[in-house]
Amino acid sequence: MGSTALRTSEILPRTGRVVRLPGVYAPQTDSYFLAAAMRREGIGPGMDVLDLCTGTGALALRAARLGARVSAVDISRRAVATARLNASLAGLPVSVHRGDLLAAVDGRRFDAVVSNPPYVPSPRPSLPRRGAQRAWDAGPDGRALLDRICDAAPAALRPGGLLLMVHSALSDPEESVRRLERAGLSATVSDRLSIPFGPVLRGRLGWLRDRGLLPVGKSTEELVIIRARKD
């Protein structure tokens, strides 16, 4: 599958209305982008789906509305509480677990894993343990969570299973593809979407340029969907 460049208007329908406790990541363009990919890839009835780094649970609810049986994981207590509340308000049977990525569902296998993890490069050498930044900061190269998901995903997928993960082009999509292929999956960048810089990146433009992660004069961020299949 070749990479497709999309316009923001092409990623609707969105994920549905959700409530959010303070400090939990609000669904944004990256969430809607991944939700559109989930629908296109045929996630639906009869499938067991895992949403890693679920936040508000918006993507888990999207998968459940498409008819899938859904589990969701987040390490944040507030995110877990938020996702459970949203599942209850929506009347959808999403099973929400607190834990560190796949450790929360150890030994289980899924037909699809979806993830919108923290991926923003950060000047902080270590990951934040609390606060809103926990939802987006991902180490100096933005790959603190991405690498772990790429390495662990094959063990969580059934034969023929699918991984869909969204992140910024600032966080080296080619490395995601390489790691997934080394782990035994067939991987590609399936979609690309350019968006204006949000407030977090606007506050880090100087640091990103000094690190060589962002060319001078570039005024948009590119989001990518990483698509990987287990043979």
C-alpha atoms as a PDB file:
ATOM      1  CA  MET A   1       0.000   0.000   0.000  1.00  0.00           C
ATOM      2  CA  GLY A   2       1.440   3.362  -1.025  1.00  0.00           C
ATOM      3  CA  SER A   3       1.497   6.424   1.165  1.00  0.00           C
ATOM      4  CA  THR A   4      -1.515   8.720   0.722  1.00  0.00           C
ATOM      5  CA  ALA A   5      -1.456  12.468   1.415  1.00  0.00           C
ATOM      6  CA  LEU A   6      -4.766  13.612   2.905  1.00  0.00           C
ATOM      7  CA  ARG A   7      -6.488  16.915   3.612  1.00  0.00           C
ATOM      8  CA  THR A   8      -7.921  17.593   7.062  1.00  0.00           C
ATOM      9  CA  SER A   9     -11.450  17.508   5.632  1.00  0.00           C
ATOM     10  CA  GLU A  10     -10.885  13.915   4.503  1.00  0.00           C
ATOM     11  CA  ILE A  11     -10.369  12.460   7.977  1.00  0.00           C
ATOM     12  CA  LEU A  12     -13.968  12.880   9.118  1.00  0.00           C
ATOM     13  CA  PRO A  13     -16.134  11.352  10.607  1.00  0.00           C
ATOM     14  CA  ARG A  14     -14.552  12.068  13.939  1.00  0.00           C
ATOM     15  CA  THR A  15     -14.413   9.996  17.093  1.00  0.00           C
ATOM     16  CA  GLY A  16     -17.596  11.141  18.869  1.00  0.00           C
ATOM     17  CA  ARG A  17     -18.055  13.425  21.869  1.00  0.00           C
ATOM     18  CA  VAL A  18     -16.154  12.569  25.038  1.00  0.00           C
ATOM     19  CA  VAL A  19     -15.674  14.049  28.494  1.00  0.00           C
ATOM     20  CA  ARG A  20     -12.175  14.587  29.851  1.00  0.00           C
ATOM     21  CA  LEU A  21     -10.608  14.899  33.276  1.00  0.00           C
ATOM     22  CA  PRO A  22      -7.890  17.588  33.641  1.00  0.00           C
ATOM     23  CA  GLY A  23      -4.520  16.468  32.298  1.00  0.00           C
ATOM     24  CA  VAL A  24      -5.939  13.807  29.950  1.00  0.00           C
ATOM     25  CA  TYR A  25      -5.135  14.228  26.252  1.00  0.00           C
ATOM     26  CA  ALA A  26      -8.103  15.657  24.345  1.00  0.00           C
ATOM     27  CA  PRO A  27      -8.914  14.052  20.969  1.00  0.00           C
ATOM     28  CA  GLN A  28      -7.290  16.156  18.262  1.00  0.00           C
ATOM     29  CA  THR A  29      -6.400  15.878  14.589  1.00  0.00           C
ATOM     30  CA  ASP A  30      -4.081  12.914  15.165  1.00  0.00           C
ATOM     31  CA  SER A  31      -6.949  11.064  16.885  1.00  0.00           C
ATOM     32  CA  TYR A  32      -9.358  11.784  14.013  1.00  0.00           C
ATOM     33  CA  PHE A  33      -6.691  10.825  11.458  1.00  0.00           C
ATOM     34  CA  LEU A  34      -6.241   7.415  13.080  1.00  0.00           C
ATOM     35  CA  ALA A  35     -10.003   6.947  13.487  1.00  0.00           C
ATOM     36  CA  ALA A  36     -10.447   7.418   9.733  1.00  0.00           C
ATOM     37  CA  ALA A  37      -7.731   4.835   9.043  1.00  0.00           C
ATOM     38  CA  MET A  38      -9.426   2.364  11.375  1.00  0.00           C
ATOM     39  CA  ARG A  39     -12.661   2.601   9.421  1.00  0.00           C
ATOM     40  CA  ARG A  40     -10.903   2.290   6.073  1.00  0.00           C
ATOM     41  CA  GLU A  41      -8.982  -0.785   7.233  1.00  0.00           C
ATOM     42  CA  GLY A  42     -12.209  -2.603   8.027  1.00  0.00           C
ATOM     43  CA  ILE A  43     -12.057  -2.739  11.820  1.00  0.00           C
ATOM     44  CA  GLY A  44     -15.452  -4.044  12.804  1.00  0.00           C
ATOM     45  CA  PRO A  45     -17.600  -6.967  13.993  1.00  0.00           C
ATOM     46  CA  GLY A  46     -15.861 -10.143  15.075  1.00  0.00           C
ATOM     47  CA  MET A  47     -12.523  -8.437  15.734  1.00  0.00           C
ATOM     48  CA  ASP A  48     -10.652  -8.120  19.028  1.00  0.00           C
ATOM     49  CA  VAL A  49      -9.047  -4.664  19.119  1.00  0.00           C
ATOM     50  CA  LEU A  50      -6.546  -3.161  21.572  1.00  0.00           C
ATOM     51  CA  ASP A  51      -6.170   0.611  21.968  1.00  0.00           C
ATOM     52  CA  LEU A  52      -2.785   1.446  23.526  1.00  0.00           C
ATOM     53  CA  CYS A  53      -2.365   4.843  25.245  1.00  0.00           C
ATOM     54  CA  THR A  54      -6.127   5.310  25.111  1.00  0.00           C
ATOM     55  CA  GLY A  55      -6.380   8.722  26.835  1.00  0.00           C
ATOM     56  CA  THR A  56     -10.068   9.635  26.838  1.00  0.00           C
ATOM     57  CA  GLY A  57     -10.889   6.318  25.165  1.00  0.00           C
ATOM     58  CA  ALA A  58     -12.040   8.063  21.973  1.00  0.00           C
ATOM     59  CA  LEU A  59     -10.381   5.554  19.632  1.00  0.00           C
ATOM     60  CA  ALA A  60     -11.525   2.601  21.717  1.00  0.00           C
ATOM     61  CA  LEU A  61     -15.082   3.929  21.513  1.00  0.00           C
ATOM     62  CA  ARG A  62     -14.676   4.360  17.759  1.00  0.00           C
ATOM     63  CA  ALA A  63     -13.645   0.719  17.394  1.00  0.00           C
ATOM     64  CA  ALA A  64     -16.568  -0.371  19.580  1.00  0.00           C
ATOM     65  CA  ARG A  65     -19.005   1.672  17.477  1.00  0.00           C
ATOM     66  CA  LEU A  66     -17.622  -0.139  14.427  1.00  0.00           C
ATOM     67  CA  GLY A  67     -18.631  -3.400  16.116  1.00  0.00           C
ATOM     68  CA  ALA A  68     -15.310  -4.662  17.491  1.00  0.00           C
ATOM     69  CA  ARG A  69     -14.660  -6.157  20.932  1.00  0.00           C
ATOM     70  CA  VAL A  70     -12.347  -3.597  22.508  1.00  0.00           C
ATOM     71  CA  SER A  71      -9.732  -3.445  25.251  1.00  0.00           C
ATOM     72  CA  ALA A  72      -7.980  -0.189  26.113  1.00  0.00           C
ATOM     73  CA  VAL A  73      -4.815   0.560  28.106  1.00  0.00           C
ATOM     74  CA  ASP A  74      -3.269   3.654  29.643  1.00  0.00           C
ATOM     75  CA  ILE A  75      -0.705   4.174  32.386  1.00  0.00           C
ATOM     76  CA  SER A  76      -2.433   7.313  33.697  1.00  0.00           C
ATOM     77  CA  ARG A  77      -5.022   6.832  36.430  1.00  0.00           C
ATOM     78  CA  ARG A  78      -6.929   9.878  35.201  1.00  0.00           C
ATOM     79  CA  ALA A  79      -6.952   8.554  31.645  1.00  0.00           C
ATOM     80  CA  VAL A  80      -8.252   5.168  32.785  1.00  0.00           C
ATOM     81  CA  ALA A  81     -10.996   6.832  34.824  1.00  0.00           C
ATOM     82  CA  THR A  82     -11.873   9.074  31.866  1.00  0.00           C
ATOM     83  CA  ALA A  83     -12.001   6.194  29.380  1.00  0.00           C
ATOM     84  CA  ARG A  84     -14.182   4.121  31.701  1.00  0.00           C
ATOM     85  CA  LEU A  85     -16.529   7.066  32.205  1.00  0.00           C
ATOM     86  CA  ASN A  86     -16.815   7.679  28.467  1.00  0.00           C
ATOM     87  CA  ALA A  87     -17.494   4.004  27.777  1.00  0.00           C
ATOM     88  CA  SER A  88     -20.217   4.035  30.427  1.00  0.00           C
ATOM     89  CA  LEU A  89     -21.788   7.236  29.095  1.00  0.00           C
ATOM     90  CA  ALA A  90     -21.744   5.827  25.562  1.00  0.00           C
ATOM     91  CA  GLY A  91     -23.139   2.477  26.671  1.00  0.00           C
ATOM     92  CA  LEU A  92     -20.280   0.632  24.964  1.00  0.00           C
ATOM     93  CA  PRO A  93     -18.582  -2.495  26.397  1.00  0.00           C
ATOM     94  CA  VAL A  94     -14.950  -1.309  26.374  1.00  0.00           C
ATOM     95  CA  SER A  95     -12.651  -3.019  28.878  1.00  0.00           C
ATOM     96  CA  VAL A  96     -10.183  -0.419  30.206  1.00  0.00           C
ATOM     97  CA  HIS A  97      -6.966  -1.459  31.980  1.00  0.00           C
ATOM     98  CA  ARG A  98      -4.304   0.562  33.770  1.00  0.00           C
ATOM     99  CA  GLY A  99      -0.746  -0.485  33.029  1.00  0.00           C
ATOM    100  CA  ASP A 100       2.468   0.001  31.071  1.00  0.00           C
ATOM    101  CA  LEU A 101       1.595  -0.753  27.451  1.00  0.00           C
ATOM    102  CA  LEU A 102       1.181  -4.488  26.775  1.00  0.00           C
ATOM    103  CA  ALA A 103       1.997  -5.493  30.344  1.00  0.00           C
ATOM    104  CA  ALA A 104      -1.613  -4.635  31.159  1.00  0.00           C
ATOM    105  CA  VAL A 105      -2.904  -7.352  28.792  1.00  0.00           C
ATOM    106  CA  ASP A 106       0.015  -9.762  29.051  1.00  0.00           C
ATOM    107  CA  GLY A 107      -0.410 -12.911  26.985  1.00  0.00           C
ATOM    108  CA  ARG A 108      -3.497 -11.774  25.071  1.00  0.00           C
ATOM    109  CA  ARG A 109      -3.616 -11.613  21.275  1.00  0.00           C
ATOM    110  CA  PHE A 110      -5.631  -9.226  19.111  1.00  0.00           C
ATOM    111  CA  ASP A 111      -6.778  -8.870  15.520  1.00  0.00           C
ATOM    112  CA  ALA A 112      -5.786  -5.197  15.568  1.00  0.00           C
ATOM    113  CA  VAL A 113      -3.761  -2.869  17.776  1.00  0.00           C
ATOM    114  CA  VAL A 114      -4.266   0.886  17.406  1.00  0.00           C
ATOM    115  CA  SER A 115      -2.241   3.546  19.155  1.00  0.00           C
ATOM    116  CA  ASN A 116      -1.863   7.304  19.419  1.00  0.00           C
ATOM    117  CA  PRO A 117       1.048   7.338  21.883  1.00  0.00           C
ATOM    118  CA  PRO A 118       3.155  10.239  23.168  1.00  0.00           C
ATOM    119  CA  TYR A 119       5.507  11.134  20.302  1.00  0.00           C
ATOM    120  CA  VAL A 120       6.579  14.784  20.607  1.00  0.00           C
ATOM    121  CA  PRO A 121      10.371  15.318  20.875  1.00  0.00           C
ATOM    122  CA  SER A 122      11.159  16.981  24.173  1.00  0.00           C
ATOM    123  CA  PRO A 123      14.204  18.815  25.596  1.00  0.00           C
ATOM    124  CA  ARG A 124      13.649  16.850  28.825  1.00  0.00           C
ATOM    125  CA  PRO A 125      15.924  13.766  28.947  1.00  0.00           C
ATOM    126  CA  SER A 126      13.416  11.735  30.971  1.00  0.00           C
ATOM    127  CA  LEU A 127       9.698  11.169  30.596  1.00  0.00           C
ATOM    128  CA  PRO A 128       7.366  13.169  32.864  1.00  0.00           C
ATOM    129  CA  ARG A 129       5.656  11.081  35.539  1.00  0.00           C
ATOM    130  CA  ARG A 130       2.692  13.425  35.988  1.00  0.00           C
ATOM    131  CA  GLY A 131       1.042  16.453  34.449  1.00  0.00           C
ATOM    132  CA  ALA A 132      -0.434  17.119  31.018  1.00  0.00           C
ATOM    133  CA  GLN A 133       2.982  16.753  29.323  1.00  0.00           C
ATOM    134  CA  ARG A 134       2.839  13.043  30.072  1.00  0.00           C
ATOM    135  CA  ALA A 135       0.367  12.722  27.186  1.00  0.00           C
ATOM    136  CA  TRP A 136       2.775  14.004  24.527  1.00  0.00           C
ATOM    137  CA  ASP A 137       6.421  14.242  25.696  1.00  0.00           C
ATOM    138  CA  ALA A 138       8.442  11.278  24.419  1.00  0.00           C
ATOM    139  CA  GLY A 139      12.140  11.976  24.994  1.00  0.00           C
ATOM    140  CA  PRO A 140      14.673  13.914  22.893  1.00  0.00           C
ATOM    141  CA  ASP A 141      13.869  12.023  19.675  1.00  0.00           C
ATOM    142  CA  GLY A 142      10.165  11.450  20.357  1.00  0.00           C
ATOM    143  CA  ARG A 143      10.610   7.683  20.256  1.00  0.00           C
ATOM    144  CA  ALA A 144      10.548   6.592  23.908  1.00  0.00           C
ATOM    145  CA  LEU A 145       7.133   4.930  23.483  1.00  0.00           C
ATOM    146  CA  LEU A 146       7.216   4.373  19.723  1.00  0.00           C
ATOM    147  CA  ASP A 147      10.207   2.017  19.897  1.00  0.00           C
ATOM    148  CA  ARG A 148       8.636  -0.042  22.656  1.00  0.00           C
ATOM    149  CA  ILE A 149       5.357  -0.395  20.767  1.00  0.00           C
ATOM    150  CA  CYS A 150       7.146  -1.369  17.555  1.00  0.00           C
ATOM    151  CA  ASP A 151       9.182  -4.025  19.365  1.00  0.00           C
ATOM    152  CA  ALA A 152       6.260  -5.470  21.332  1.00  0.00           C
ATOM    153  CA  ALA A 153       3.462  -5.328  18.752  1.00  0.00           C
ATOM    154  CA  PRO A 154       4.154  -8.660  17.015  1.00  0.00           C
ATOM    155  CA  ALA A 155       3.605 -10.619  20.231  1.00  0.00           C
ATOM    156  CA  ALA A 156       0.205  -8.952  20.695  1.00  0.00           C
ATOM    157  CA  LEU A 157      -1.074  -9.679  17.182  1.00  0.00           C
ATOM    158  CA  ARG A 158      -2.698 -12.827  15.873  1.00  0.00           C
ATOM    159  CA  PRO A 159      -1.630 -14.117  12.453  1.00  0.00           C
ATOM    160  CA  GLY A 160      -2.933 -11.610   9.923  1.00  0.00           C
ATOM    161  CA  GLY A 161      -3.257  -9.006  12.663  1.00  0.00           C
ATOM    162  CA  LEU A 162      -2.929  -5.288  11.975  1.00  0.00           C
ATOM    163  CA  LEU A 163      -1.112  -2.450  13.753  1.00  0.00           C
ATOM    164  CA  LEU A 164      -2.182   1.144  13.099  1.00  0.00           C
ATOM    165  CA  MET A 165      -0.171   3.851  14.861  1.00  0.00           C
ATOM    166  CA  VAL A 166      -0.124   7.602  14.384  1.00  0.00           C
ATOM    167  CA  HIS A 167       2.814   9.881  15.095  1.00  0.00           C
ATOM    168  CA  SER A 168       4.656  12.955  13.854  1.00  0.00           C
ATOM    169  CA  ALA A 169       7.144  12.913  11.002  1.00  0.00           C
ATOM    170  CA  LEU A 170       9.466  14.683  13.468  1.00  0.00           C
ATOM    171  CA  SER A 171       9.771  11.307  15.227  1.00  0.00           C
ATOM    172  CA  ASP A 172      11.323   9.406  12.288  1.00  0.00           C
ATOM    173  CA  PRO A 173       8.605   7.321  10.590  1.00  0.00           C
ATOM    174  CA  GLU A 174      11.265   5.377   8.699  1.00  0.00           C
ATOM    175  CA  GLU A 175      12.636   4.095  12.003  1.00  0.00           C
ATOM    176  CA  SER A 176       9.159   2.877  12.949  1.00  0.00           C
ATOM    177  CA  VAL A 177       8.947   0.965   9.672  1.00  0.00           C
ATOM    178  CA  ARG A 178      12.444  -0.495  10.109  1.00  0.00           C
ATOM    179  CA  ARG A 179      11.809  -1.626  13.672  1.00  0.00           C
ATOM    180  CA  LEU A 180       8.507  -3.235  12.783  1.00  0.00           C
ATOM    181  CA  GLU A 181      10.054  -5.062   9.856  1.00  0.00           C
ATOM    182  CA  ARG A 182      12.914  -6.280  12.039  1.00  0.00           C
ATOM    183  CA  ALA A 183      10.258  -7.557  14.444  1.00  0.00           C
ATOM    184  CA  GLY A 184       8.709  -9.581  11.646  1.00  0.00           C
ATOM    185  CA  LEU A 185       5.859  -7.400  10.385  1.00  0.00           C
ATOM    186  CA  SER A 186       5.222  -6.002   6.915  1.00  0.00           C
ATOM    187  CA  ALA A 187       5.198  -2.250   7.520  1.00  0.00           C
ATOM    188  CA  THR A 188       4.727   1.004   5.637  1.00  0.00           C
ATOM    189  CA  VAL A 189       3.723   4.643   6.038  1.00  0.00           C
ATOM    190  CA  SER A 190       0.186   4.428   4.659  1.00  0.00           C
ATOM    191  CA  ASP A 191      -1.032   8.028   5.086  1.00  0.00           C
ATOM    192  CA  ARG A 192       0.362  11.519   5.566  1.00  0.00           C
ATOM    193  CA  LEU A 193      -1.382  14.690   6.720  1.00  0.00           C
ATOM    194  CA  SER A 194       0.053  18.210   7.078  1.00  0.00           C
ATOM    195  CA  ILE A 195      -1.345  20.408   9.856  1.00  0.00           C
ATOM    196  CA  PRO A 196      -0.401  23.770  11.407  1.00  0.00           C
ATOM    197  CA  PHE A 197       1.904  23.648  14.409  1.00  0.00           C
ATOM    198  CA  GLY A 198       0.059  23.300  17.689  1.00  0.00           C
ATOM    199  CA  PRO A 199       0.991  25.199  20.865  1.00  0.00           C
ATOM    200  CA  VAL A 200       3.447  22.540  22.110  1.00  0.00           C
ATOM    201  CA  LEU A 201       5.524  22.557  18.929  1.00  0.00           C
ATOM    202  CA  ARG A 202       5.305  26.346  18.596  1.00  0.00           C
ATOM    203  CA  GLY A 203       6.884  26.584  22.033  1.00  0.00           C
ATOM    204  CA  ARG A 204       9.754  24.306  20.943  1.00  0.00           C
ATOM    205  CA  LEU A 205      10.548  25.608  17.458  1.00  0.00           C
ATOM    206  CA  GLY A 206      13.974  26.943  18.408  1.00  0.00           C
ATOM    207  CA  TRP A 207      14.988  23.732  20.163  1.00  0.00           C
ATOM    208  CA  LEU A 208      13.658  21.552  17.316  1.00  0.00           C
ATOM    209  CA  ARG A 209      15.610  23.571  14.758  1.00  0.00           C
ATOM    210  CA  ASP A 210      18.767  23.472  16.851  1.00  0.00           C
ATOM    211  CA  ARG A 211      18.418  19.670  17.019  1.00  0.00           C
ATOM    212  CA  GLY A 212      18.040  19.472  13.237  1.00  0.00           C
ATOM    213  CA  LEU A 213      14.533  17.999  13.553  1.00  0.00           C
ATOM    214  CA  LEU A 214      12.810  20.908  11.844  1.00  0.00           C
ATOM    215  CA  PRO A 215      14.057  22.886   8.832  1.00  0.00           C
ATOM    216  CA  VAL A 216      14.084  26.663   9.165  1.00  0.00           C
ATOM    217  CA  GLY A 217      11.038  28.124   7.441  1.00  0.00           C
ATOM    218  CA  LYS A 218       8.852  25.041   7.725  1.00  0.00           C
ATOM    219  CA  SER A 219       5.451  26.084   9.075  1.00  0.00           C
ATOM    220  CA  THR A 220       3.526  22.793   9.240  1.00  0.00           C
ATOM    221  CA  GLU A 221       3.819  19.450  10.981  1.00  0.00           C
ATOM    222  CA  GLU A 222       3.305  16.211   9.095  1.00  0.00           C
ATOM    223  CA  LEU A 223       1.410  13.389  10.773  1.00  0.00           C
ATOM    224  CA  VAL A 224       1.810   9.818   9.542  1.00  0.00           C
ATOM    225  CA  ILE A 225      -0.063   6.555   9.929  1.00  0.00           C
ATOM    226  CA  ILE A 226       2.203   3.542  10.375  1.00  0.00           C
ATOM    227  CA  ARG A 227       0.470   0.411   9.076  1.00  0.00           C
ATOM    228  CA  ALA A 228       1.925  -3.020   9.801  1.00  0.00           C
ATOM    229  CA  ARG A 229       0.585  -6.512   9.199  1.00  0.00           C
ATOM    230  CA  LYS A 230       1.594  -9.817  10.795  1.00  0.00           C
ATOM    231  CA  ASP A 231       1.828 -12.536   8.148  1.00  0.00           C
END
